């Protein structure tokens, strides 16, 4: 596989992509903007077109203090209640520098549960508090295997802590996942943007 260069033989001067390279493009499917929204649901665009889907979250701000930003999955019915098993750990640091740790949070994981999965907990509703990040969903249209997902989030908590959160797990169903819903554990999503991409 040969690279085609311009005159100065540097990688910044590559003029064409080698024929052996493919994939990796992010294709925007839809965008939803919260405004006092009880839930944000993606009910179309999640199908067999792509093997990987990415949700990107931009400043998800709760209307209520000390809440959790959650996700749940629909597996062909009308309810968002796919059975899930997950893990959850986080690193944190206080604004004052007085507290920091890396910890597993058993209270935020699920074991064969239909409950919503926490993505960011202890969120504050001050104007300078929100959460951002991304969630990856793999091969949701498979009717053979479970549906793996993972997320990485950054949030500002109600107690002035910065949290770096890591979540992973699987929907333990062989039915296709055809919908994904996001909500706060209490109150509304005051503001924020979620974009859904397909990875080709």
C-alpha atoms as a PDB file:
ATOM      1  CA  UNK A   1       0.000   0.000   0.000  1.00  0.00           C
ATOM      2  CA  UNK A   2       1.672   3.219  -1.156  1.00  0.00           C
ATOM      3  CA  UNK A   3       1.033   6.743   0.091  1.00  0.00           C
ATOM      4  CA  UNK A   4       0.790   9.544  -2.435  1.00  0.00           C
ATOM      5  CA  UNK A   5       2.727  12.637  -1.356  1.00  0.00           C
ATOM      6  CA  UNK A   6       3.011  16.137  -2.673  1.00  0.00           C
ATOM      7  CA  UNK A   7       6.480  17.656  -3.142  1.00  0.00           C
ATOM      8  CA  UNK A   8       7.830  17.816   0.425  1.00  0.00           C
ATOM      9  CA  UNK A   9       7.405  14.107   1.391  1.00  0.00           C
ATOM     10  CA  UNK A  10       5.634  14.918   4.701  1.00  0.00           C
ATOM     11  CA  UNK A  11       2.476  13.304   6.061  1.00  0.00           C
ATOM     12  CA  UNK A  12       0.755  16.697   6.048  1.00  0.00           C
ATOM     13  CA  UNK A  13       1.122  16.709   2.276  1.00  0.00           C
ATOM     14  CA  UNK A  14      -0.682  13.414   1.550  1.00  0.00           C
ATOM     15  CA  UNK A  15      -2.873  14.114  -1.470  1.00  0.00           C
ATOM     16  CA  UNK A  16      -4.909  10.907  -1.733  1.00  0.00           C
ATOM     17  CA  UNK A  17      -6.021   8.200   0.672  1.00  0.00           C
ATOM     18  CA  UNK A  18      -4.477   4.763   0.065  1.00  0.00           C
ATOM     19  CA  UNK A  19      -6.941   2.320  -1.475  1.00  0.00           C
ATOM     20  CA  UNK A  20      -6.408  -0.133   1.408  1.00  0.00           C
ATOM     21  CA  UNK A  21      -7.830   2.297   3.979  1.00  0.00           C
ATOM     22  CA  UNK A  22     -11.556   2.541   4.525  1.00  0.00           C
ATOM     23  CA  UNK A  23     -14.149   3.392   7.143  1.00  0.00           C
ATOM     24  CA  UNK A  24     -14.053   5.662  10.159  1.00  0.00           C
ATOM     25  CA  UNK A  25     -16.321   8.391   8.799  1.00  0.00           C
ATOM     26  CA  UNK A  26     -18.814   9.943  11.214  1.00  0.00           C
ATOM     27  CA  UNK A  27     -22.174  10.418   9.522  1.00  0.00           C
ATOM     28  CA  UNK A  28     -24.588  12.734  11.330  1.00  0.00           C
ATOM     29  CA  UNK A  29     -28.022  11.091  11.540  1.00  0.00           C
ATOM     30  CA  UNK A  30     -29.949  13.470  13.795  1.00  0.00           C
ATOM     31  CA  UNK A  31     -29.663  16.235  16.387  1.00  0.00           C
ATOM     32  CA  UNK A  32     -32.004  16.897  19.304  1.00  0.00           C
ATOM     33  CA  UNK A  33     -31.955  19.966  21.528  1.00  0.00           C
ATOM     34  CA  UNK A  34     -33.383  19.850  25.036  1.00  0.00           C
ATOM     35  CA  UNK A  35     -35.542  22.656  26.404  1.00  0.00           C
ATOM     36  CA  UNK A  36     -37.260  21.586  29.592  1.00  0.00           C
ATOM     37  CA  UNK A  37     -37.542  18.085  28.108  1.00  0.00           C
ATOM     38  CA  UNK A  38     -38.642  15.168  30.300  1.00  0.00           C
ATOM     39  CA  UNK A  39     -36.916  12.738  27.912  1.00  0.00           C
ATOM     40  CA  UNK A  40     -34.975  12.774  24.652  1.00  0.00           C
ATOM     41  CA  UNK A  41     -35.652   9.689  22.545  1.00  0.00           C
ATOM     42  CA  UNK A  42     -34.010   8.503  19.352  1.00  0.00           C
ATOM     43  CA  UNK A  43     -36.537   6.241  17.631  1.00  0.00           C
ATOM     44  CA  UNK A  44     -35.288   6.290  14.045  1.00  0.00           C
ATOM     45  CA  UNK A  45     -31.923   5.979  12.364  1.00  0.00           C
ATOM     46  CA  UNK A  46     -30.754   3.111  14.597  1.00  0.00           C
ATOM     47  CA  UNK A  47     -30.837   0.142  12.237  1.00  0.00           C
ATOM     48  CA  UNK A  48     -28.587  -2.130  10.185  1.00  0.00           C
ATOM     49  CA  UNK A  49     -27.093   0.767   8.176  1.00  0.00           C
ATOM     50  CA  UNK A  50     -24.099   0.989  10.529  1.00  0.00           C
ATOM     51  CA  UNK A  51     -22.385  -1.442  12.885  1.00  0.00           C
ATOM     52  CA  UNK A  52     -21.470   1.351  15.294  1.00  0.00           C
ATOM     53  CA  UNK A  53     -23.467   4.352  16.525  1.00  0.00           C
ATOM     54  CA  UNK A  54     -22.210   7.262  18.633  1.00  0.00           C
ATOM     55  CA  UNK A  55     -24.258   9.663  20.740  1.00  0.00           C
ATOM     56  CA  UNK A  56     -22.453  12.893  21.628  1.00  0.00           C
ATOM     57  CA  UNK A  57     -23.701  14.991  24.550  1.00  0.00           C
ATOM     58  CA  UNK A  58     -23.099  18.730  24.794  1.00  0.00           C
ATOM     59  CA  UNK A  59     -23.712  20.480  28.141  1.00  0.00           C
ATOM     60  CA  UNK A  60     -26.660  18.430  29.375  1.00  0.00           C
ATOM     61  CA  UNK A  61     -27.999  20.667  32.120  1.00  0.00           C
ATOM     62  CA  UNK A  62     -30.601  19.470  34.643  1.00  0.00           C
ATOM     63  CA  UNK A  63     -33.487  21.571  35.913  1.00  0.00           C
ATOM     64  CA  UNK A  64     -33.175  19.874  39.326  1.00  0.00           C
ATOM     65  CA  UNK A  65     -30.135  19.758  41.598  1.00  0.00           C
ATOM     66  CA  UNK A  66     -28.325  16.519  42.544  1.00  0.00           C
ATOM     67  CA  UNK A  67     -29.729  14.257  39.808  1.00  0.00           C
ATOM     68  CA  UNK A  68     -28.433  11.580  37.456  1.00  0.00           C
ATOM     69  CA  UNK A  69     -28.331  11.648  33.650  1.00  0.00           C
ATOM     70  CA  UNK A  70     -29.561   8.218  32.496  1.00  0.00           C
ATOM     71  CA  UNK A  71     -29.864   6.100  29.352  1.00  0.00           C
ATOM     72  CA  UNK A  72     -32.160   3.201  28.508  1.00  0.00           C
ATOM     73  CA  UNK A  73     -32.714   1.052  25.425  1.00  0.00           C
ATOM     74  CA  UNK A  74     -35.763  -0.221  23.514  1.00  0.00           C
ATOM     75  CA  UNK A  75     -35.655  -3.736  22.092  1.00  0.00           C
ATOM     76  CA  UNK A  76     -38.593  -3.853  19.705  1.00  0.00           C
ATOM     77  CA  UNK A  77     -41.479  -3.049  22.039  1.00  0.00           C
ATOM     78  CA  UNK A  78     -42.756   0.334  23.165  1.00  0.00           C
ATOM     79  CA  UNK A  79     -40.909   0.484  26.503  1.00  0.00           C
ATOM     80  CA  UNK A  80     -37.296   1.428  27.153  1.00  0.00           C
ATOM     81  CA  UNK A  81     -36.501  -1.533  29.369  1.00  0.00           C
ATOM     82  CA  UNK A  82     -33.893  -3.770  27.725  1.00  0.00           C
ATOM     83  CA  UNK A  83     -32.165  -5.999  30.297  1.00  0.00           C
ATOM     84  CA  UNK A  84     -28.657  -4.728  31.034  1.00  0.00           C
ATOM     85  CA  UNK A  85     -25.509  -5.707  32.921  1.00  0.00           C
ATOM     86  CA  UNK A  86     -22.983  -2.887  33.384  1.00  0.00           C
ATOM     87  CA  UNK A  87     -19.952  -1.462  35.177  1.00  0.00           C
ATOM     88  CA  UNK A  88     -19.316   2.093  36.394  1.00  0.00           C
ATOM     89  CA  UNK A  89     -16.196   3.798  37.743  1.00  0.00           C
ATOM     90  CA  UNK A  90     -15.089   7.399  38.093  1.00  0.00           C
ATOM     91  CA  UNK A  91     -12.250   9.728  38.962  1.00  0.00           C
ATOM     92  CA  UNK A  92     -13.018  12.971  40.767  1.00  0.00           C
ATOM     93  CA  UNK A  93     -11.396  16.136  42.098  1.00  0.00           C
ATOM     94  CA  UNK A  94     -12.833  19.017  44.110  1.00  0.00           C
ATOM     95  CA  UNK A  95     -12.544  22.658  42.980  1.00  0.00           C
ATOM     96  CA  UNK A  96     -10.690  23.457  46.204  1.00  0.00           C
ATOM     97  CA  UNK A  97      -8.214  20.613  45.681  1.00  0.00           C
ATOM     98  CA  UNK A  98      -9.299  19.058  49.004  1.00  0.00           C
ATOM     99  CA  UNK A  99     -10.573  15.719  47.691  1.00  0.00           C
ATOM    100  CA  UNK A 100      -9.755  13.341  44.868  1.00  0.00           C
ATOM    101  CA  UNK A 101     -10.088   9.627  44.138  1.00  0.00           C
ATOM    102  CA  UNK A 102     -10.497   6.893  41.549  1.00  0.00           C
ATOM    103  CA  UNK A 103     -13.290   4.510  42.531  1.00  0.00           C
ATOM    104  CA  UNK A 104     -15.660   1.807  41.365  1.00  0.00           C
ATOM    105  CA  UNK A 105     -19.274   2.718  42.119  1.00  0.00           C
ATOM    106  CA  UNK A 106     -21.283  -0.423  42.780  1.00  0.00           C
ATOM    107  CA  UNK A 107     -24.402   1.669  43.384  1.00  0.00           C
ATOM    108  CA  UNK A 108     -24.350   2.835  39.741  1.00  0.00           C
ATOM    109  CA  UNK A 109     -23.962  -0.516  37.987  1.00  0.00           C
ATOM    110  CA  UNK A 110     -26.680  -2.945  36.905  1.00  0.00           C
ATOM    111  CA  UNK A 111     -26.938  -6.739  37.037  1.00  0.00           C
ATOM    112  CA  UNK A 112     -29.628  -8.122  34.736  1.00  0.00           C
ATOM    113  CA  UNK A 113     -31.759  -5.038  35.308  1.00  0.00           C
ATOM    114  CA  UNK A 114     -34.314  -3.233  33.156  1.00  0.00           C
ATOM    115  CA  UNK A 115     -33.682   0.044  35.029  1.00  0.00           C
ATOM    116  CA  UNK A 116     -32.065   3.035  33.351  1.00  0.00           C
ATOM    117  CA  UNK A 117     -28.263   3.101  33.342  1.00  0.00           C
ATOM    118  CA  UNK A 118     -26.629   6.130  35.008  1.00  0.00           C
ATOM    119  CA  UNK A 119     -24.202   8.043  32.805  1.00  0.00           C
ATOM    120  CA  UNK A 120     -23.433  10.995  35.112  1.00  0.00           C
ATOM    121  CA  UNK A 121     -24.499  11.202  38.742  1.00  0.00           C
ATOM    122  CA  UNK A 122     -24.727  13.968  41.348  1.00  0.00           C
ATOM    123  CA  UNK A 123     -25.252  16.600  38.636  1.00  0.00           C
ATOM    124  CA  UNK A 124     -25.720  20.173  39.758  1.00  0.00           C
ATOM    125  CA  UNK A 125     -28.172  22.646  38.251  1.00  0.00           C
ATOM    126  CA  UNK A 126     -26.076  25.804  38.744  1.00  0.00           C
ATOM    127  CA  UNK A 127     -25.492  27.731  35.531  1.00  0.00           C
ATOM    128  CA  UNK A 128     -21.887  26.518  35.415  1.00  0.00           C
ATOM    129  CA  UNK A 129     -22.780  22.830  35.911  1.00  0.00           C
ATOM    130  CA  UNK A 130     -23.613  20.221  33.245  1.00  0.00           C
ATOM    131  CA  UNK A 131     -22.273  17.020  31.716  1.00  0.00           C
ATOM    132  CA  UNK A 132     -20.810  16.238  28.297  1.00  0.00           C
ATOM    133  CA  UNK A 133     -19.456  13.093  26.711  1.00  0.00           C
ATOM    134  CA  UNK A 134     -20.230  10.244  24.355  1.00  0.00           C
ATOM    135  CA  UNK A 135     -21.855   6.833  24.238  1.00  0.00           C
ATOM    136  CA  UNK A 136     -20.981   4.095  21.735  1.00  0.00           C
ATOM    137  CA  UNK A 137     -23.524   1.408  20.771  1.00  0.00           C
ATOM    138  CA  UNK A 138     -22.271  -1.554  18.759  1.00  0.00           C
ATOM    139  CA  UNK A 139     -24.196  -3.613  16.204  1.00  0.00           C
ATOM    140  CA  UNK A 140     -27.650  -2.775  17.587  1.00  0.00           C
ATOM    141  CA  UNK A 141     -29.478  -4.625  14.803  1.00  0.00           C
ATOM    142  CA  UNK A 142     -27.907  -8.013  15.540  1.00  0.00           C
ATOM    143  CA  UNK A 143     -30.426 -10.706  16.374  1.00  0.00           C
ATOM    144  CA  UNK A 144     -27.662 -13.138  17.353  1.00  0.00           C
ATOM    145  CA  UNK A 145     -25.495 -11.375  19.929  1.00  0.00           C
ATOM    146  CA  UNK A 146     -25.980  -9.134  22.950  1.00  0.00           C
ATOM    147  CA  UNK A 147     -25.589  -5.367  22.322  1.00  0.00           C
ATOM    148  CA  UNK A 148     -22.403  -3.905  23.794  1.00  0.00           C
ATOM    149  CA  UNK A 149     -22.152  -0.237  24.721  1.00  0.00           C
ATOM    150  CA  UNK A 150     -19.740   2.044  26.536  1.00  0.00           C
ATOM    151  CA  UNK A 151     -19.673   5.686  27.560  1.00  0.00           C
ATOM    152  CA  UNK A 152     -17.228   8.287  28.806  1.00  0.00           C
ATOM    153  CA  UNK A 153     -18.558  11.423  30.492  1.00  0.00           C
ATOM    154  CA  UNK A 154     -17.289  14.580  32.201  1.00  0.00           C
ATOM    155  CA  UNK A 155     -19.533  16.385  34.658  1.00  0.00           C
ATOM    156  CA  UNK A 156     -19.613  19.135  37.260  1.00  0.00           C
ATOM    157  CA  UNK A 157     -21.380  17.871  40.352  1.00  0.00           C
ATOM    158  CA  UNK A 158     -23.614  19.744  42.757  1.00  0.00           C
ATOM    159  CA  UNK A 159     -20.843  19.564  45.390  1.00  0.00           C
ATOM    160  CA  UNK A 160     -18.301  21.370  43.147  1.00  0.00           C
ATOM    161  CA  UNK A 161     -16.496  18.202  42.077  1.00  0.00           C
ATOM    162  CA  UNK A 162     -15.311  17.419  38.566  1.00  0.00           C
ATOM    163  CA  UNK A 163     -16.141  13.810  37.653  1.00  0.00           C
ATOM    164  CA  UNK A 164     -14.595  11.760  34.851  1.00  0.00           C
ATOM    165  CA  UNK A 165     -16.967   8.794  34.418  1.00  0.00           C
ATOM    166  CA  UNK A 166     -16.542   5.468  32.606  1.00  0.00           C
ATOM    167  CA  UNK A 167     -19.484   3.165  31.892  1.00  0.00           C
ATOM    168  CA  UNK A 168     -19.667  -0.073  29.925  1.00  0.00           C
ATOM    169  CA  UNK A 169     -21.979  -3.027  29.593  1.00  0.00           C
ATOM    170  CA  UNK A 170     -24.382  -4.876  27.364  1.00  0.00           C
ATOM    171  CA  UNK A 171     -28.075  -5.207  26.669  1.00  0.00           C
ATOM    172  CA  UNK A 172     -28.594  -8.908  27.325  1.00  0.00           C
ATOM    173  CA  UNK A 173     -31.134  -9.392  24.549  1.00  0.00           C
ATOM    174  CA  UNK A 174     -30.942 -10.958  21.103  1.00  0.00           C
ATOM    175  CA  UNK A 175     -33.686  -8.690  19.750  1.00  0.00           C
ATOM    176  CA  UNK A 176     -32.492  -5.623  17.864  1.00  0.00           C
ATOM    177  CA  UNK A 177     -32.123  -2.354  19.781  1.00  0.00           C
ATOM    178  CA  UNK A 178     -34.228   0.135  17.840  1.00  0.00           C
ATOM    179  CA  UNK A 179     -34.510   3.073  20.238  1.00  0.00           C
ATOM    180  CA  UNK A 180     -32.432   4.891  22.857  1.00  0.00           C
ATOM    181  CA  UNK A 181     -33.792   7.293  25.472  1.00  0.00           C
ATOM    182  CA  UNK A 182     -32.086   9.805  27.762  1.00  0.00           C
ATOM    183  CA  UNK A 183     -33.549  11.438  30.879  1.00  0.00           C
ATOM    184  CA  UNK A 184     -32.672  12.915  34.242  1.00  0.00           C
ATOM    185  CA  UNK A 185     -33.524  10.834  37.304  1.00  0.00           C
ATOM    186  CA  UNK A 186     -35.779  13.655  38.489  1.00  0.00           C
ATOM    187  CA  UNK A 187     -37.078  16.787  36.799  1.00  0.00           C
ATOM    188  CA  UNK A 188     -36.361  17.808  33.220  1.00  0.00           C
ATOM    189  CA  UNK A 189     -33.365  18.215  30.960  1.00  0.00           C
ATOM    190  CA  UNK A 190     -33.265  22.003  31.110  1.00  0.00           C
ATOM    191  CA  UNK A 191     -30.926  22.363  28.122  1.00  0.00           C
ATOM    192  CA  UNK A 192     -28.334  20.527  26.082  1.00  0.00           C
ATOM    193  CA  UNK A 193     -27.743  18.972  22.670  1.00  0.00           C
ATOM    194  CA  UNK A 194     -27.443  15.301  21.691  1.00  0.00           C
ATOM    195  CA  UNK A 195     -26.149  14.286  18.263  1.00  0.00           C
ATOM    196  CA  UNK A 196     -26.428  10.783  16.830  1.00  0.00           C
ATOM    197  CA  UNK A 197     -23.792   9.575  14.370  1.00  0.00           C
ATOM    198  CA  UNK A 198     -23.338   6.384  12.397  1.00  0.00           C
ATOM    199  CA  UNK A 199     -19.763   5.203  11.900  1.00  0.00           C
ATOM    200  CA  UNK A 200     -18.978   3.820   8.455  1.00  0.00           C
END
